[in-house]
PDB file of N, CA and C in Angstrom:
ATOM      1  N   MET A   1     141.324 -40.908 -79.684  1.00  0.00           N
ATOM      2  CA  MET A   1     140.730 -41.834 -80.620  1.00  0.00           C
ATOM      3  C   MET A   1     140.320 -40.711 -81.977  1.00  0.00           C
ATOM      4  N   LYS A   2     139.379 -40.323 -81.214  1.00  0.00           N
ATOM      5  CA  LYS A   2     138.420 -39.649 -82.307  1.00  0.00           C
ATOM      6  C   LYS A   2     139.163 -38.193 -83.091  1.00  0.00           C
ATOM      7  N   TYR A   3     139.589 -37.817 -81.692  1.00  0.00           N
ATOM      8  CA  TYR A   3     140.933 -36.707 -82.812  1.00  0.00           C
ATOM      9  C   TYR A   3     141.699 -36.842 -83.727  1.00  0.00           C
ATOM     10  N   LEU A   4     142.684 -37.955 -83.653  1.00  0.00           N
ATOM     11  CA  LEU A   4     143.062 -38.841 -84.227  1.00  0.00           C
ATOM     12  C   LEU A   4     142.289 -38.822 -85.654  1.00  0.00           C
ATOM     13  N   PHE A   5     141.176 -39.356 -85.687  1.00  0.00           N
ATOM     14  CA  PHE A   5     140.496 -39.714 -87.046  1.00  0.00           C
ATOM     15  C   PHE A   5     140.038 -38.186 -87.559  1.00  0.00           C
ATOM     16  N   LEU A   6     139.748 -37.215 -86.973  1.00  0.00           N
ATOM     17  CA  LEU A   6     139.513 -36.170 -87.543  1.00  0.00           C
ATOM     18  C   LEU A   6     140.887 -35.373 -87.615  1.00  0.00           C
ATOM     19  N   PHE A   7     142.139 -35.963 -87.280  1.00  0.00           N
ATOM     20  CA  PHE A   7     143.016 -34.628 -87.649  1.00  0.00           C
ATOM     21  C   PHE A   7     143.446 -35.707 -88.838  1.00  0.00           C
ATOM     22  N   LEU A   8     143.218 -37.008 -89.012  1.00  0.00           N
ATOM     23  CA  LEU A   8     143.905 -37.585 -90.555  1.00  0.00           C
ATOM     24  C   LEU A   8     142.869 -37.240 -91.529  1.00  0.00           C
ATOM     25  N   LEU A   9     141.906 -37.095 -91.247  1.00  0.00           N
ATOM     26  CA  LEU A   9     140.661 -36.472 -92.146  1.00  0.00           C
ATOM     27  C   LEU A   9     140.956 -35.374 -92.924  1.00  0.00           C
ATOM     28  N   CYS A  10     141.506 -34.428 -91.690  1.00  0.00           N
ATOM     29  CA  CYS A  10     141.251 -32.724 -92.200  1.00  0.00           C
ATOM     30  C   CYS A  10     142.126 -33.091 -93.195  1.00  0.00           C
ATOM     31  N   THR A  11     144.180 -33.225 -92.519  1.00  0.00           N
ATOM     32  CA  THR A  11     145.228 -33.068 -93.336  1.00  0.00           C
ATOM     33  C   THR A  11     145.270 -34.097 -94.606  1.00  0.00           C
ATOM     34  N   GLY A  12     144.001 -35.258 -94.900  1.00  0.00           N
ATOM     35  CA  GLY A  12     143.956 -35.761 -95.634  1.00  0.00           C
ATOM     36  C   GLY A  12     143.187 -35.075 -97.154  1.00  0.00           C
ATOM     37  N   ALA A  13     142.502 -34.166 -96.325  1.00  0.00           N
ATOM     38  CA  ALA A  13     141.409 -32.770 -97.126  1.00  0.00           C
ATOM     39  C   ALA A  13     142.166 -32.299 -97.464  1.00  0.00           C
ATOM     40  N   VAL A  14     143.251 -31.482 -96.816  1.00  0.00           N
ATOM     41  CA  VAL A  14     143.582 -30.563 -97.282  1.00  0.00           C
ATOM     42  C   VAL A  14     145.321 -31.111 -98.539  1.00  0.00           C
ATOM     43  N   LEU A  15     145.781 -31.581 -98.330  1.00  0.00           N
ATOM     44  CA  LEU A  15     146.665 -32.051 -98.704  1.00  0.00           C
ATOM     45  C   LEU A  15     146.573 -32.090-100.845  1.00  0.00           C
ATOM     46  N   PRO A  16     145.698 -32.272-100.874  1.00  0.00           N
ATOM     47  CA  PRO A  16     144.815 -32.481-102.344  1.00  0.00           C
ATOM     48  C   PRO A  16     144.908 -31.284-102.851  1.00  0.00           C
ATOM     49  N   THR A  17     144.452 -30.459-102.023  1.00  0.00           N
ATOM     50  CA  THR A  17     143.798 -28.943-102.179  1.00  0.00           C
ATOM     51  C   THR A  17     145.379 -28.243-102.273  1.00  0.00           C
ATOM     52  N   ALA A  18     145.999 -28.411-101.589  1.00  0.00           N
ATOM     53  CA  ALA A  18     147.768 -27.768-101.500  1.00  0.00           C
ATOM     54  C   ALA A  18     148.428 -28.358-102.974  1.00  0.00           C
ATOM     55  N   HIS A  19     148.374 -29.859-103.011  1.00  0.00           N
ATOM     56  CA  HIS A  19     148.844 -29.893-104.350  1.00  0.00           C
ATOM     57  C   HIS A  19     148.311 -28.959-105.280  1.00  0.00           C
ATOM     58  N   ALA A  20     147.180 -29.394-105.535  1.00  0.00           N
ATOM     59  CA  ALA A  20     146.287 -28.595-106.934  1.00  0.00           C
ATOM     60  C   ALA A  20     146.409 -26.812-106.921  1.00  0.00           C
ATOM     61  N   GLN A  21     147.327 -26.145-105.809  1.00  0.00           N
ATOM     62  CA  GLN A  21     147.344 -24.974-105.853  1.00  0.00           C
ATOM     63  C   GLN A  21     149.076 -24.920-106.018  1.00  0.00           C
ATOM     64  N   GLN A  22     149.858 -25.963-106.874  1.00  0.00           N
ATOM     65  CA  GLN A  22     151.319 -25.725-107.834  1.00  0.00           C
ATOM     66  C   GLN A  22     151.086 -25.035-108.814  1.00  0.00           C
ATOM     67  N   ALA A  23     152.543 -24.303-108.938  1.00  0.00           N
ATOM     68  CA  ALA A  23     151.975 -23.879-110.457  1.00  0.00           C
ATOM     69  C   ALA A  23     152.392 -24.820-110.869  1.00  0.00           C
ATOM     70  N   PRO A  24     152.062 -25.198-112.553  1.00  0.00           N
ATOM     71  CA  PRO A  24     152.262 -26.320-113.570  1.00  0.00           C
ATOM     72  C   PRO A  24     153.753 -26.132-113.333  1.00  0.00           C
ATOM     73  N   ALA A  25     154.397 -27.290-113.803  1.00  0.00           N
ATOM     74  CA  ALA A  25     155.554 -27.083-114.434  1.00  0.00           C
ATOM     75  C   ALA A  25     155.383 -26.177-115.967  1.00  0.00           C
ATOM     76  N   ALA A  26     156.549 -25.447-115.999  1.00  0.00           N
ATOM     77  CA  ALA A  26     157.165 -24.784-117.218  1.00  0.00           C
ATOM     78  C   ALA A  26     156.912 -26.118-118.356  1.00  0.00           C
ATOM     79  N   ALA A  27     156.799 -25.648-119.396  1.00  0.00           N
ATOM     80  CA  ALA A  27     157.487 -26.033-120.705  1.00  0.00           C
ATOM     81  C   ALA A  27     158.335 -26.508-121.016  1.00  0.00           C
ATOM     82  N   ALA A  28     158.901 -27.357-121.685  1.00  0.00           N
ATOM     83  CA  ALA A  28     160.882 -27.409-121.457  1.00  0.00           C
ATOM     84  C   ALA A  28     161.317 -25.882-122.771  1.00  0.00           C
ATOM     85  N   ALA A  29     161.809 -25.673-122.180  1.00  0.00           N
ATOM     86  CA  ALA A  29     162.475 -24.033-123.511  1.00  0.00           C
ATOM     87  C   ALA A  29     163.547 -24.568-124.202  1.00  0.00           C
ATOM     88  N   PRO A  30     163.012 -23.822-125.496  1.00  0.00           N
ATOM     89  CA  PRO A  30     163.873 -24.731-126.606  1.00  0.00           C
ATOM     90  C   PRO A  30     164.942 -24.244-126.280  1.00  0.00           C
ATOM     91  N   PRO A  31     166.223 -24.957-126.467  1.00  0.00           N
ATOM     92  CA  PRO A  31     168.098 -24.704-126.476  1.00  0.00           C
ATOM     93  C   PRO A  31     168.161 -23.410-127.015  1.00  0.00           C
ATOM     94  N   MET A  32     169.140 -22.982-125.804  1.00  0.00           N
ATOM     95  CA  MET A  32     170.021 -21.810-126.118  1.00  0.00           C
ATOM     96  C   MET A  32     170.891 -21.560-127.115  1.00  0.00           C
ATOM     97  N   TYR A  33     171.073 -22.549-127.168  1.00  0.00           N
ATOM     98  CA  TYR A  33     172.923 -22.951-128.207  1.00  0.00           C
ATOM     99  C   TYR A  33     172.789 -24.011-129.304  1.00  0.00           C
ATOM    100  N   GLY A  34     173.579 -23.752-129.973  1.00  0.00           N
ATOM    101  CA  GLY A  34     173.636 -24.912-131.135  1.00  0.00           C
ATOM    102  C   GLY A  34     174.861 -24.623-131.616  1.00  0.00           C
ATOM    103  N   ALA A  35     174.659 -26.021-132.638  1.00  0.00           N
ATOM    104  CA  ALA A  35     175.673 -25.773-133.353  1.00  0.00           C
ATOM    105  C   ALA A  35     175.910 -25.880-135.320  1.00  0.00           C
ATOM    106  N   ALA A  36     176.362 -25.560-136.602  1.00  0.00           N
ATOM    107  CA  ALA A  36     175.390 -26.039-137.864  1.00  0.00           C
ATOM    108  C   ALA A  36     176.910 -25.582-138.624  1.00  0.00           C
ATOM    109  N   ARG A  37     177.327 -26.850-139.461  1.00  0.00           N
ATOM    110  CA  ARG A  37     177.980 -26.882-140.378  1.00  0.00           C
ATOM    111  C   ARG A  37     177.333 -26.671-141.939  1.00  0.00           C
ATOM    112  N   ILE A  38     178.006 -26.029-142.842  1.00  0.00           N
ATOM    113  CA  ILE A  38     177.682 -25.756-144.188  1.00  0.00           C
ATOM    114  C   ILE A  38     178.441 -26.206-145.166  1.00  0.00           C
ATOM    115  N   TRP A  39     178.308 -27.160-145.589  1.00  0.00           N
ATOM    116  CA  TRP A  39     178.509 -27.906-146.722  1.00  0.00           C
ATOM    117  C   TRP A  39     178.907 -27.149-147.999  1.00  0.00           C
ATOM    118  N   LEU A  40     179.989 -26.963-148.696  1.00  0.00           N
ATOM    119  CA  LEU A  40     179.826 -26.292-150.206  1.00  0.00           C
ATOM    120  C   LEU A  40     180.068 -28.064-151.005  1.00  0.00           C
ATOM    121  N   ALA A  41     179.085 -28.013-151.246  1.00  0.00           N
ATOM    122  CA  ALA A  41     178.986 -29.032-151.991  1.00  0.00           C
ATOM    123  C   ALA A  41     179.343 -29.626-153.337  1.00  0.00           C
ATOM    124  N   ALA A  42     179.008 -28.124-153.733  1.00  0.00           N
ATOM    125  CA  ALA A  42     179.584 -27.727-155.248  1.00  0.00           C
ATOM    126  C   ALA A  42     178.712 -26.219-155.518  1.00  0.00           C
ATOM    127  N   SER A  43     179.958 -26.426-156.890  1.00  0.00           N
ATOM    128  CA  SER A  43     180.260 -24.551-157.037  1.00  0.00           C
ATOM    129  C   SER A  43     178.163 -23.748-157.207  1.00  0.00           C
ATOM    130  N   ASP A  44     177.160 -24.799-157.097  1.00  0.00           N
ATOM    131  CA  ASP A  44     176.001 -24.038-157.114  1.00  0.00           C
ATOM    132  C   ASP A  44     175.100 -24.608-156.104  1.00  0.00           C
ATOM    133  N   TYR A  45     175.639 -25.262-155.018  1.00  0.00           N
ATOM    134  CA  TYR A  45     174.749 -25.722-153.974  1.00  0.00           C
ATOM    135  C   TYR A  45     175.531 -25.565-152.972  1.00  0.00           C
ATOM    136  N   CYS A  46     174.743 -25.657-151.571  1.00  0.00           N
ATOM    137  CA  CYS A  46     175.896 -26.560-150.465  1.00  0.00           C
ATOM    138  C   CYS A  46     174.688 -26.917-149.586  1.00  0.00           C
ATOM    139  N   HIS A  47     174.756 -27.269-148.606  1.00  0.00           N
ATOM    140  CA  HIS A  47     173.981 -28.649-147.665  1.00  0.00           C
ATOM    141  C   HIS A  47     174.811 -28.263-146.392  1.00  0.00           C
ATOM    142  N   LEU A  48     172.956 -28.052-145.275  1.00  0.00           N
ATOM    143  CA  LEU A  48     173.099 -27.373-144.056  1.00  0.00           C
ATOM    144  C   LEU A  48     172.847 -28.470-142.808  1.00  0.00           C
ATOM    145  N   ALA A  49     173.819 -28.754-142.116  1.00  0.00           N
ATOM    146  CA  ALA A  49     173.519 -29.438-140.857  1.00  0.00           C
ATOM    147  C   ALA A  49     173.392 -29.155-139.825  1.00  0.00           C
ATOM    148  N   LEU A  50     172.677 -29.266-138.509  1.00  0.00           N
ATOM    149  CA  LEU A  50     172.350 -28.263-137.629  1.00  0.00           C
ATOM    150  C   LEU A  50     171.886 -29.275-136.718  1.00  0.00           C
ATOM    151  N   GLY A  51     172.626 -28.720-135.623  1.00  0.00           N
ATOM    152  CA  GLY A  51     172.025 -29.717-133.951  1.00  0.00           C
ATOM    153  C   GLY A  51     172.232 -28.515-133.119  1.00  0.00           C
ATOM    154  N   ASP A  52     171.606 -28.864-132.349  1.00  0.00           N
ATOM    155  CA  ASP A  52     170.518 -27.843-131.196  1.00  0.00           C
ATOM    156  C   ASP A  52     171.434 -28.190-130.031  1.00  0.00           C
ATOM    157  N   GLY A  53     172.125 -29.367-129.457  1.00  0.00           N
ATOM    158  CA  GLY A  53     173.031 -29.282-128.092  1.00  0.00           C
ATOM    159  C   GLY A  53     171.900 -30.796-127.857  1.00  0.00           C
ATOM    160  N   VAL A  54     170.071 -30.639-128.477  1.00  0.00           N
ATOM    161  CA  VAL A  54     170.008 -31.778-127.296  1.00  0.00           C
ATOM    162  C   VAL A  54     170.038 -32.990-128.080  1.00  0.00           C
ATOM    163  N   THR A  55     169.123 -32.760-129.612  1.00  0.00           N
ATOM    164  CA  THR A  55     168.991 -33.603-130.697  1.00  0.00           C
ATOM    165  C   THR A  55     170.405 -34.450-130.857  1.00  0.00           C
ATOM    166  N   PRO A  56     170.745 -35.836-130.849  1.00  0.00           N
ATOM    167  CA  PRO A  56     172.324 -36.345-131.363  1.00  0.00           C
ATOM    168  C   PRO A  56     172.127 -35.943-132.910  1.00  0.00           C
ATOM    169  N   ALA A  57     172.994 -35.110-133.243  1.00  0.00           N
ATOM    170  CA  ALA A  57     173.681 -35.342-134.624  1.00  0.00           C
ATOM    171  C   ALA A  57     175.074 -35.661-135.204  1.00  0.00           C
ATOM    172  N   ARG A  58     174.605 -36.784-136.142  1.00  0.00           N
ATOM    173  CA  ARG A  58     175.584 -36.886-136.480  1.00  0.00           C
ATOM    174  C   ARG A  58     176.871 -36.348-137.028  1.00  0.00           C
ATOM    175  N   THR A  59     177.917 -36.558-137.535  1.00  0.00           N
ATOM    176  CA  THR A  59     178.806 -35.458-138.702  1.00  0.00           C
ATOM    177  C   THR A  59     178.073 -35.630-139.939  1.00  0.00           C
ATOM    178  N   TYR A  60     177.251 -36.242-140.352  1.00  0.00           N
ATOM    179  CA  TYR A  60     176.824 -36.345-141.879  1.00  0.00           C
ATOM    180  C   TYR A  60     175.404 -36.225-142.158  1.00  0.00           C
ATOM    181  N   ASP A  61     175.000 -35.773-140.761  1.00  0.00           N
ATOM    182  CA  ASP A  61     173.380 -35.405-140.793  1.00  0.00           C
ATOM    183  C   ASP A  61     172.776 -34.018-141.638  1.00  0.00           C
ATOM    184  N   TYR A  62     172.814 -33.772-142.457  1.00  0.00           N
ATOM    185  CA  TYR A  62     172.238 -32.516-143.657  1.00  0.00           C
ATOM    186  C   TYR A  62     170.838 -32.765-142.897  1.00  0.00           C
ATOM    187  N   LEU A  63     170.168 -31.763-143.085  1.00  0.00           N
ATOM    188  CA  LEU A  63     168.956 -31.151-143.312  1.00  0.00           C
ATOM    189  C   LEU A  63     167.988 -32.030-144.597  1.00  0.00           C
ATOM    190  N   GLU A  64     167.055 -32.111-144.167  1.00  0.00           N
ATOM    191  CA  GLU A  64     166.652 -33.367-145.893  1.00  0.00           C
ATOM    192  C   GLU A  64     165.305 -32.817-145.422  1.00  0.00           C
ATOM    193  N   GLU A  65     164.466 -33.085-147.067  1.00  0.00           N
ATOM    194  CA  GLU A  65     163.802 -32.689-147.874  1.00  0.00           C
ATOM    195  C   GLU A  65     163.346 -32.923-148.601  1.00  0.00           C
ATOM    196  N   ASN A  66     162.034 -34.054-148.213  1.00  0.00           N
ATOM    197  CA  ASN A  66     161.494 -35.480-149.367  1.00  0.00           C
ATOM    198  C   ASN A  66     162.727 -36.139-149.618  1.00  0.00           C
ATOM    199  N   GLY A  67     163.178 -36.386-148.507  1.00  0.00           N
ATOM    200  CA  GLY A  67     163.536 -37.132-147.992  1.00  0.00           C
ATOM    201  C   GLY A  67     165.272 -37.443-148.580  1.00  0.00           C
ATOM    202  N   LYS A  68     165.654 -36.282-149.357  1.00  0.00           N
ATOM    203  CA  LYS A  68     167.129 -35.897-149.452  1.00  0.00           C
ATOM    204  C   LYS A  68     167.549 -34.949-149.121  1.00  0.00           C
ATOM    205  N   LYS A  69     168.582 -34.410-149.327  1.00  0.00           N
ATOM    206  CA  LYS A  69     169.791 -33.396-148.691  1.00  0.00           C
ATOM    207  C   LYS A  69     168.851 -32.007-149.287  1.00  0.00           C
ATOM    208  N   ARG A  70     168.344 -31.228-148.006  1.00  0.00           N
ATOM    209  CA  ARG A  70     168.194 -29.972-148.178  1.00  0.00           C
ATOM    210  C   ARG A  70     169.346 -29.073-149.375  1.00  0.00           C
ATOM    211  N   ARG A  71     169.017 -28.607-150.015  1.00  0.00           N
ATOM    212  CA  ARG A  71     170.077 -27.580-151.479  1.00  0.00           C
ATOM    213  C   ARG A  71     169.852 -26.688-150.801  1.00  0.00           C
ATOM    214  N   PHE A  72     170.866 -25.332-150.383  1.00  0.00           N
ATOM    215  CA  PHE A  72     170.233 -23.864-150.679  1.00  0.00           C
ATOM    216  C   PHE A  72     171.578 -23.693-151.690  1.00  0.00           C
ATOM    217  N   ALA A  73     171.029 -22.568-152.269  1.00  0.00           N
ATOM    218  CA  ALA A  73     172.136 -21.682-153.387  1.00  0.00           C
ATOM    219  C   ALA A  73     173.705 -21.377-153.008  1.00  0.00           C
ATOM    220  N   ASP A  74     173.695 -21.076-151.809  1.00  0.00           N
ATOM    221  CA  ASP A  74     174.855 -20.530-151.478  1.00  0.00           C
ATOM    222  C   ASP A  74     174.336 -20.437-149.854  1.00  0.00           C
ATOM    223  N   GLU A  75     176.054 -20.204-148.830  1.00  0.00           N
ATOM    224  CA  GLU A  75     176.137 -19.788-147.857  1.00  0.00           C
ATOM    225  C   GLU A  75     175.166 -19.150-147.057  1.00  0.00           C
ATOM    226  N   ALA A  76     174.533 -17.793-148.221  1.00  0.00           N
ATOM    227  CA  ALA A  76     173.859 -16.650-147.436  1.00  0.00           C
ATOM    228  C   ALA A  76     172.191 -17.332-147.823  1.00  0.00           C
ATOM    229  N   ALA A  77     171.783 -17.821-147.956  1.00  0.00           N
ATOM    230  CA  ALA A  77     170.987 -19.196-147.708  1.00  0.00           C
ATOM    231  C   ALA A  77     170.298 -19.617-146.772  1.00  0.00           C
ATOM    232  N   ALA A  78     171.464 -20.356-146.333  1.00  0.00           N
ATOM    233  CA  ALA A  78     171.638 -21.321-145.524  1.00  0.00           C
ATOM    234  C   ALA A  78     171.552 -20.826-144.267  1.00  0.00           C
ATOM    235  N   LEU A  79     172.787 -19.387-143.918  1.00  0.00           N
ATOM    236  CA  LEU A  79     172.070 -18.630-142.525  1.00  0.00           C
ATOM    237  C   LEU A  79     171.156 -17.807-142.984  1.00  0.00           C
ATOM    238  N   ASN A  80     170.619 -17.505-143.954  1.00  0.00           N
ATOM    239  CA  ASN A  80     168.979 -16.476-143.896  1.00  0.00           C
ATOM    240  C   ASN A  80     168.265 -18.058-142.943  1.00  0.00           C
ATOM    241  N   PHE A  81     168.170 -19.093-143.306  1.00  0.00           N
ATOM    242  CA  PHE A  81     166.838 -19.944-143.060  1.00  0.00           C
ATOM    243  C   PHE A  81     167.230 -20.022-141.512  1.00  0.00           C
ATOM    244  N   LEU A  82     168.491 -20.601-141.045  1.00  0.00           N
ATOM    245  CA  LEU A  82     168.976 -19.931-139.896  1.00  0.00           C
ATOM    246  C   LEU A  82     168.314 -18.792-138.686  1.00  0.00           C
ATOM    247  N   TYR A  83     168.976 -18.033-139.534  1.00  0.00           N
ATOM    248  CA  TYR A  83     168.076 -16.817-138.573  1.00  0.00           C
ATOM    249  C   TYR A  83     166.427 -16.692-138.851  1.00  0.00           C
ATOM    250  N   GLN A  84     165.955 -17.462-140.015  1.00  0.00           N
ATOM    251  CA  GLN A  84     164.429 -17.215-139.577  1.00  0.00           C
ATOM    252  C   GLN A  84     163.717 -18.745-138.831  1.00  0.00           C
ATOM    253  N   LEU A  85     164.860 -19.439-138.702  1.00  0.00           N
ATOM    254  CA  LEU A  85     164.492 -20.381-136.981  1.00  0.00           C
ATOM    255  C   LEU A  85     164.938 -19.753-135.839  1.00  0.00           C
ATOM    256  N   GLY A  86     165.167 -18.389-135.790  1.00  0.00           N
ATOM    257  CA  GLY A  86     165.689 -17.774-134.952  1.00  0.00           C
ATOM    258  C   GLY A  86     166.783 -18.318-133.875  1.00  0.00           C
ATOM    259  N   TRP A  87     167.893 -18.196-134.920  1.00  0.00           N
ATOM    260  CA  TRP A  87     169.246 -18.255-134.562  1.00  0.00           C
ATOM    261  C   TRP A  87     169.984 -17.232-134.755  1.00  0.00           C
ATOM    262  N   GLU A  88     171.235 -16.972-133.448  1.00  0.00           N
ATOM    263  CA  GLU A  88     172.107 -15.927-133.987  1.00  0.00           C
ATOM    264  C   GLU A  88     173.178 -17.030-134.835  1.00  0.00           C
ATOM    265  N   VAL A  89     174.106 -16.304-135.998  1.00  0.00           N
ATOM    266  CA  VAL A  89     174.970 -16.957-136.323  1.00  0.00           C
ATOM    267  C   VAL A  89     176.338 -16.235-135.351  1.00  0.00           C
ATOM    268  N   GLN A  90     177.426 -17.508-134.955  1.00  0.00           N
ATOM    269  CA  GLN A  90     179.016 -16.828-135.261  1.00  0.00           C
ATOM    270  C   GLN A  90     179.718 -17.798-135.782  1.00  0.00           C
ATOM    271  N   PRO A  91     180.860 -17.189-136.766  1.00  0.00           N
ATOM    272  CA  PRO A  91     181.688 -18.166-137.135  1.00  0.00           C
ATOM    273  C   PRO A  91     182.524 -19.153-136.579  1.00  0.00           C
ATOM    274  N   LEU A  92     182.881 -19.947-136.516  1.00  0.00           N
ATOM    275  CA  LEU A  92     183.509 -20.794-135.649  1.00  0.00           C
ATOM    276  C   LEU A  92     185.209 -21.084-136.531  1.00  0.00           C
ATOM    277  N   GLY A  93     184.443 -21.533-138.022  1.00  0.00           N
ATOM    278  CA  GLY A  93     186.055 -21.513-138.762  1.00  0.00           C
ATOM    279  C   GLY A  93     185.683 -22.621-139.976  1.00  0.00           C
ATOM    280  N   VAL A  94     186.924 -23.249-140.574  1.00  0.00           N
ATOM    281  CA  VAL A  94     186.866 -23.749-141.750  1.00  0.00           C
ATOM    282  C   VAL A  94     187.745 -24.824-141.536  1.00  0.00           C
ATOM    283  N   ASN A  95     187.467 -26.156-142.587  1.00  0.00           N
ATOM    284  CA  ASN A  95     188.159 -27.124-142.241  1.00  0.00           C
ATOM    285  C   ASN A  95     189.296 -26.662-143.196  1.00  0.00           C
ATOM    286  N   GLY A  96     189.907 -27.405-143.115  1.00  0.00           N
ATOM    287  CA  GLY A  96     191.236 -27.320-144.359  1.00  0.00           C
ATOM    288  C   GLY A  96     191.170 -27.338-145.798  1.00  0.00           C
ATOM    289  N   ASP A  97     190.484 -27.787-146.013  1.00  0.00           N
ATOM    290  CA  ASP A  97     190.061 -27.851-147.747  1.00  0.00           C
ATOM    291  C   ASP A  97     189.250 -26.784-147.960  1.00  0.00           C
ATOM    292  N   GLY A  98     187.901 -25.944-146.866  1.00  0.00           N
ATOM    293  CA  GLY A  98     187.748 -24.831-147.277  1.00  0.00           C
ATOM    294  C   GLY A  98     185.952 -24.785-147.494  1.00  0.00           C
ATOM    295  N   ASN A  99     185.918 -26.201-147.704  1.00  0.00           N
ATOM    296  CA  ASN A  99     184.327 -26.606-147.599  1.00  0.00           C
ATOM    297  C   ASN A  99     183.403 -27.112-147.117  1.00  0.00           C
ATOM    298  N   LEU A 100     184.063 -26.978-146.111  1.00  0.00           N
ATOM    299  CA  LEU A 100     182.971 -27.391-144.444  1.00  0.00           C
ATOM    300  C   LEU A 100     183.520 -26.001-143.587  1.00  0.00           C
ATOM    301  N   HIS A 101     182.438 -25.048-143.507  1.00  0.00           N
ATOM    302  CA  HIS A 101     182.216 -24.102-142.752  1.00  0.00           C
ATOM    303  C   HIS A 101     181.458 -24.305-140.987  1.00  0.00           C
ATOM    304  N   TYR A 102     182.253 -24.240-140.410  1.00  0.00           N
ATOM    305  CA  TYR A 102     181.484 -24.316-138.873  1.00  0.00           C
ATOM    306  C   TYR A 102     181.010 -22.860-138.275  1.00  0.00           C
ATOM    307  N   PHE A 103     179.769 -23.112-137.313  1.00  0.00           N
ATOM    308  CA  PHE A 103     179.058 -21.525-136.643  1.00  0.00           C
ATOM    309  C   PHE A 103     178.367 -22.227-135.539  1.00  0.00           C
ATOM    310  N   LEU A 104     178.744 -21.236-134.402  1.00  0.00           N
ATOM    311  CA  LEU A 104     177.712 -21.644-133.313  1.00  0.00           C
ATOM    312  C   LEU A 104     176.762 -20.727-133.178  1.00  0.00           C
ATOM    313  N   LEU A 105     175.421 -21.334-132.536  1.00  0.00           N
ATOM    314  CA  LEU A 105     174.513 -20.941-132.780  1.00  0.00           C
ATOM    315  C   LEU A 105     173.718 -20.276-131.336  1.00  0.00           C
ATOM    316  N   LYS A 106     173.125 -19.320-131.210  1.00  0.00           N
ATOM    317  CA  LYS A 106     172.356 -18.803-129.858  1.00  0.00           C
ATOM    318  C   LYS A 106     171.653 -18.296-130.301  1.00  0.00           C
ATOM    319  N   ARG A 107     169.561 -18.413-129.818  1.00  0.00           N
ATOM    320  CA  ARG A 107     168.952 -18.106-129.649  1.00  0.00           C
ATOM    321  C   ARG A 107     168.775 -16.725-129.949  1.00  0.00           C
ATOM    322  N   ARG A 108     168.248 -15.947-130.538  1.00  0.00           N
ATOM    323  CA  ARG A 108     167.912 -14.436-130.834  1.00  0.00           C
ATOM    324  C   ARG A 108     166.610 -14.694-129.444  1.00  0.00           C
ATOM    325  N   THR A 109     167.023 -13.433-128.336  1.00  0.00           N
ATOM    326  CA  THR A 109     165.791 -12.964-127.601  1.00  0.00           C
ATOM    327  C   THR A 109     165.047 -12.159-127.884  1.00  0.00           C
ATOM    328  N   PRO A 110     163.211 -12.319-127.818  1.00  0.00           N
ATOM    329  CA  PRO A 110     162.459 -11.667-128.616  1.00  0.00           C
ATOM    330  C   PRO A 110     162.574 -10.429-128.182  1.00  0.00           C
TER     331      PRO A 110
END
């Protein structure tokens, strides 16, 4: 009985130490792929919808700034914004009207 008590005492003392030596869980990495839509809203501006593959994005969820849809001067401005966020951009297509452009996004490697 004395040995059983010592055994339990020793293993109980070792378990927390072994548990503390385990590496901490890594922080969740940002998504590797995403999707973007650029809508040519008028001749002088466009809107950008961004889906990161994790956060659900509805069809008409465009980036907002101060409670309004963020306006980009043109498609190049929207694509440069995506580049600043760390995305590589690959065109996927255009809708039938030609005013909605689709893109596949991939995280750039540092």
